[in-house]
N, C-alpha and C. Protein backbone atom coordinates (compact mmCIF):
# COMPACT_ATOMS: atom_id res chain seq x y z
N UNK A 1 118.36 98.96 77.01
CA UNK A 1 119.28 97.85 77.06
C UNK A 1 120.30 98.03 75.94
N UNK A 2 121.57 97.88 76.24
CA UNK A 2 122.63 98.05 75.26
C UNK A 2 122.71 96.88 74.29
N UNK A 3 123.61 97.02 73.35
CA UNK A 3 123.82 95.97 72.35
C UNK A 3 124.31 94.69 73.01
N UNK A 4 123.89 93.56 72.50
CA UNK A 4 124.30 92.28 73.04
C UNK A 4 125.49 91.71 72.26
N UNK A 5 126.02 92.47 71.31
CA UNK A 5 127.15 92.01 70.52
C UNK A 5 128.44 92.19 71.31
N UNK A 6 129.36 91.25 71.14
CA UNK A 6 130.64 91.32 71.84
C UNK A 6 131.52 92.43 71.27
N UNK A 7 131.42 92.66 69.97
CA UNK A 7 132.27 93.65 69.31
C UNK A 7 131.44 94.86 68.87
N UNK A 8 132.03 96.07 68.95
CA UNK A 8 131.29 97.27 68.54
C UNK A 8 131.10 97.33 67.03
N UNK A 9 130.01 97.95 66.62
CA UNK A 9 129.72 98.12 65.19
C UNK A 9 130.61 99.20 64.60
N UNK A 10 130.84 99.10 63.31
CA UNK A 10 131.58 100.11 62.56
C UNK A 10 130.81 100.34 61.26
N UNK A 11 130.22 101.51 61.12
CA UNK A 11 129.42 101.81 59.94
C UNK A 11 130.17 102.80 59.07
N UNK A 12 130.38 102.42 57.82
CA UNK A 12 131.10 103.26 56.87
C UNK A 12 130.32 103.27 55.56
N UNK A 13 130.24 104.42 54.91
CA UNK A 13 129.57 104.52 53.62
C UNK A 13 130.57 105.01 52.57
N UNK A 14 131.34 104.08 52.01
CA UNK A 14 132.30 104.50 50.98
C UNK A 14 131.57 104.86 49.69
N UNK A 15 132.23 105.62 48.81
CA UNK A 15 131.61 105.89 47.52
C UNK A 15 131.30 104.57 46.81
N UNK A 16 130.15 104.50 46.17
CA UNK A 16 129.69 103.25 45.53
C UNK A 16 130.72 102.71 44.54
N UNK A 17 131.33 103.59 43.77
CA UNK A 17 132.30 103.16 42.76
C UNK A 17 133.51 102.49 43.41
N UNK A 18 134.00 103.05 44.51
CA UNK A 18 135.15 102.48 45.22
C UNK A 18 134.77 101.13 45.82
N UNK A 19 133.60 101.06 46.43
CA UNK A 19 133.16 99.80 47.04
C UNK A 19 132.98 98.72 45.98
N UNK A 20 132.38 99.07 44.85
CA UNK A 20 132.16 98.10 43.77
C UNK A 20 133.48 97.56 43.24
N UNK A 21 134.46 98.45 43.04
CA UNK A 21 135.77 98.00 42.56
C UNK A 21 136.45 97.09 43.57
N UNK A 22 136.40 97.48 44.84
CA UNK A 22 137.03 96.66 45.89
C UNK A 22 136.33 95.31 46.01
N UNK A 23 135.00 95.32 45.96
CA UNK A 23 134.23 94.07 46.00
C UNK A 23 134.66 93.12 44.89
N UNK A 24 134.81 93.66 43.68
CA UNK A 24 135.20 92.83 42.54
C UNK A 24 136.59 92.22 42.75
N UNK A 25 137.52 93.02 43.24
CA UNK A 25 138.88 92.53 43.48
C UNK A 25 138.87 91.42 44.54
N UNK A 26 138.13 91.64 45.62
CA UNK A 26 138.08 90.63 46.68
C UNK A 26 137.38 89.36 46.22
N UNK A 27 136.29 89.51 45.47
CA UNK A 27 135.57 88.33 44.98
C UNK A 27 136.43 87.49 44.05
N UNK A 28 137.24 88.15 43.20
CA UNK A 28 138.16 87.42 42.32
C UNK A 28 139.11 86.53 43.11
N UNK A 29 139.40 86.96 44.34
CA UNK A 29 140.34 86.24 45.18
C UNK A 29 139.65 85.38 46.24
N UNK A 30 138.32 85.37 46.21
CA UNK A 30 137.57 84.57 47.18
C UNK A 30 137.65 85.09 48.60
N UNK A 31 137.77 86.41 48.75
CA UNK A 31 137.90 87.02 50.07
C UNK A 31 136.68 87.87 50.40
N UNK A 32 136.21 87.82 51.64
CA UNK A 32 135.04 88.63 52.03
C UNK A 32 135.44 90.05 52.43
N UNK A 33 134.54 91.00 52.20
CA UNK A 33 134.78 92.40 52.56
C UNK A 33 135.00 92.55 54.06
N UNK A 34 134.20 91.85 54.86
CA UNK A 34 134.35 91.96 56.31
C UNK A 34 135.75 91.54 56.75
N UNK A 35 136.24 90.43 56.22
CA UNK A 35 137.58 89.96 56.55
C UNK A 35 138.64 90.97 56.14
N UNK A 36 138.44 91.60 54.99
CA UNK A 36 139.38 92.61 54.51
C UNK A 36 139.43 93.80 55.47
N UNK A 37 138.28 94.27 55.89
CA UNK A 37 138.23 95.43 56.80
C UNK A 37 138.90 95.07 58.13
N UNK A 38 138.62 93.89 58.67
CA UNK A 38 139.23 93.46 59.93
C UNK A 38 140.75 93.34 59.75
N UNK A 39 141.19 92.78 58.61
CA UNK A 39 142.63 92.65 58.34
C UNK A 39 143.29 94.03 58.26
N UNK A 40 142.62 95.00 57.64
CA UNK A 40 143.17 96.36 57.56
C UNK A 40 143.31 96.98 58.95
N UNK A 41 142.31 96.80 59.79
CA UNK A 41 142.38 97.34 61.15
C UNK A 41 143.51 96.68 61.93
N UNK A 42 143.69 95.37 61.76
CA UNK A 42 144.77 94.66 62.45
C UNK A 42 146.13 95.14 61.95
N UNK A 43 146.27 95.32 60.63
CA UNK A 43 147.53 95.80 60.06
C UNK A 43 147.85 97.20 60.57
N UNK A 44 146.85 98.05 60.68
CA UNK A 44 147.04 99.40 61.21
C UNK A 44 147.52 99.35 62.65
N UNK A 45 146.90 98.51 63.46
CA UNK A 45 147.28 98.40 64.87
C UNK A 45 148.69 97.84 65.02
N UNK A 46 149.09 96.92 64.14
CA UNK A 46 150.40 96.27 64.25
C UNK A 46 151.55 97.16 63.79
N UNK A 47 151.36 97.91 62.71
CA UNK A 47 152.44 98.73 62.16
C UNK A 47 151.85 100.00 61.53
N UNK A 48 151.41 100.93 62.38
CA UNK A 48 150.68 102.10 61.87
C UNK A 48 151.46 102.94 60.86
N UNK A 49 152.74 103.18 61.09
CA UNK A 49 153.49 104.06 60.19
C UNK A 49 153.57 103.47 58.78
N UNK A 50 153.91 102.20 58.67
CA UNK A 50 154.03 101.57 57.35
C UNK A 50 152.67 101.47 56.67
N UNK A 51 151.67 101.08 57.43
CA UNK A 51 150.34 100.90 56.83
C UNK A 51 149.78 102.23 56.34
N UNK A 52 149.88 103.27 57.18
CA UNK A 52 149.36 104.59 56.78
C UNK A 52 150.16 105.19 55.63
N UNK A 53 151.46 104.93 55.58
CA UNK A 53 152.28 105.43 54.47
C UNK A 53 151.80 104.81 53.16
N UNK A 54 151.44 103.54 53.19
CA UNK A 54 150.95 102.87 51.98
C UNK A 54 149.59 103.44 51.54
N UNK A 55 148.78 103.85 52.51
CA UNK A 55 147.44 104.37 52.19
C UNK A 55 147.41 105.85 51.83
N UNK A 56 148.50 106.56 52.07
CA UNK A 56 148.49 108.02 51.94
C UNK A 56 147.91 108.51 50.61
N UNK A 57 148.28 107.88 49.50
CA UNK A 57 147.80 108.37 48.20
C UNK A 57 146.33 108.02 47.95
N UNK A 58 145.76 107.17 48.79
CA UNK A 58 144.36 106.76 48.63
C UNK A 58 143.43 107.43 49.64
N UNK A 59 143.99 108.23 50.54
CA UNK A 59 143.20 108.81 51.62
C UNK A 59 142.15 109.77 51.07
N UNK A 60 140.87 109.60 51.45
CA UNK A 60 139.82 110.50 50.92
C UNK A 60 139.87 111.87 51.58
N UNK A 61 139.36 112.85 50.86
CA UNK A 61 139.24 114.20 51.43
C UNK A 61 138.21 114.17 52.56
N UNK A 62 138.40 115.01 53.54
CA UNK A 62 137.48 115.09 54.67
C UNK A 62 136.13 115.61 54.20
N UNK A 63 135.07 114.94 54.61
CA UNK A 63 133.71 115.38 54.29
C UNK A 63 133.11 116.05 55.52
N UNK A 64 132.37 117.15 55.33
CA UNK A 64 131.69 117.74 56.49
C UNK A 64 130.69 116.74 57.06
N UNK A 65 130.58 116.71 58.37
CA UNK A 65 129.66 115.77 59.01
C UNK A 65 128.47 116.53 59.56
N UNK A 66 127.32 115.88 59.56
CA UNK A 66 126.12 116.47 60.14
C UNK A 66 125.49 117.52 59.24
N UNK A 67 124.53 118.21 59.80
CA UNK A 67 123.82 119.25 59.06
C UNK A 67 124.61 120.55 59.13
N UNK A 68 124.51 121.38 58.08
CA UNK A 68 125.16 122.69 58.14
C UNK A 68 124.55 123.53 59.26
N UNK A 69 125.34 124.40 59.84
CA UNK A 69 124.82 125.29 60.88
C UNK A 69 123.79 126.23 60.28
N UNK A 70 122.86 126.70 61.08
CA UNK A 70 121.79 127.59 60.61
C UNK A 70 122.37 128.84 59.95
N UNK A 71 123.46 129.39 60.48
CA UNK A 71 124.05 130.59 59.88
C UNK A 71 124.60 130.29 58.49
N UNK A 72 125.15 129.09 58.29
CA UNK A 72 125.66 128.71 56.97
C UNK A 72 124.50 128.52 55.99
N UNK A 73 123.41 127.92 56.45
CA UNK A 73 122.25 127.70 55.58
C UNK A 73 121.64 129.04 55.18
N UNK A 74 121.57 130.00 56.11
CA UNK A 74 120.98 131.31 55.82
C UNK A 74 121.81 132.05 54.77
N UNK A 75 123.11 131.90 54.81
CA UNK A 75 123.98 132.57 53.84
C UNK A 75 123.79 132.01 52.44
N UNK A 76 123.36 130.74 52.35
CA UNK A 76 123.16 130.10 51.05
C UNK A 76 121.82 130.46 50.41
N UNK A 77 120.87 130.98 51.21
CA UNK A 77 119.53 131.31 50.69
C UNK A 77 119.56 132.65 49.98
N UNK A 78 118.78 132.79 48.90
CA UNK A 78 118.70 134.10 48.24
C UNK A 78 117.98 135.10 49.16
N UNK A 79 118.27 136.37 48.98
CA UNK A 79 117.62 137.41 49.79
C UNK A 79 116.13 137.44 49.49
N UNK A 80 115.34 137.79 50.48
CA UNK A 80 113.88 137.87 50.31
C UNK A 80 113.54 139.01 49.35
N UNK A 81 112.47 138.82 48.60
CA UNK A 81 112.03 139.85 47.65
C UNK A 81 111.69 141.13 48.40
N UNK A 82 112.15 142.25 47.90
CA UNK A 82 111.86 143.55 48.49
C UNK A 82 112.79 143.91 49.63
N UNK A 83 113.70 143.03 49.98
CA UNK A 83 114.63 143.33 51.07
C UNK A 83 115.77 144.17 50.52
N UNK A 84 116.27 145.06 51.35
CA UNK A 84 117.47 145.80 51.00
C UNK A 84 117.21 147.09 50.44
């Protein structure tokens, strides 16, 4: 059975330091994190060029997703004793 929620979930794991700083800024202003994320998504949908231009200097570097491929893991392991 699928989810009974009307809206799809969005799971994000920002760096703890960034989240803590953002939380503090929002709390000072009496604003919830969820509302902020929804507002950002709405702003992006309404005016993507302006919104993305403002975020450009804050954009995080791409992180590899998932597990490394077996060939990559093998290259990282030291050679077996007596090999070669």
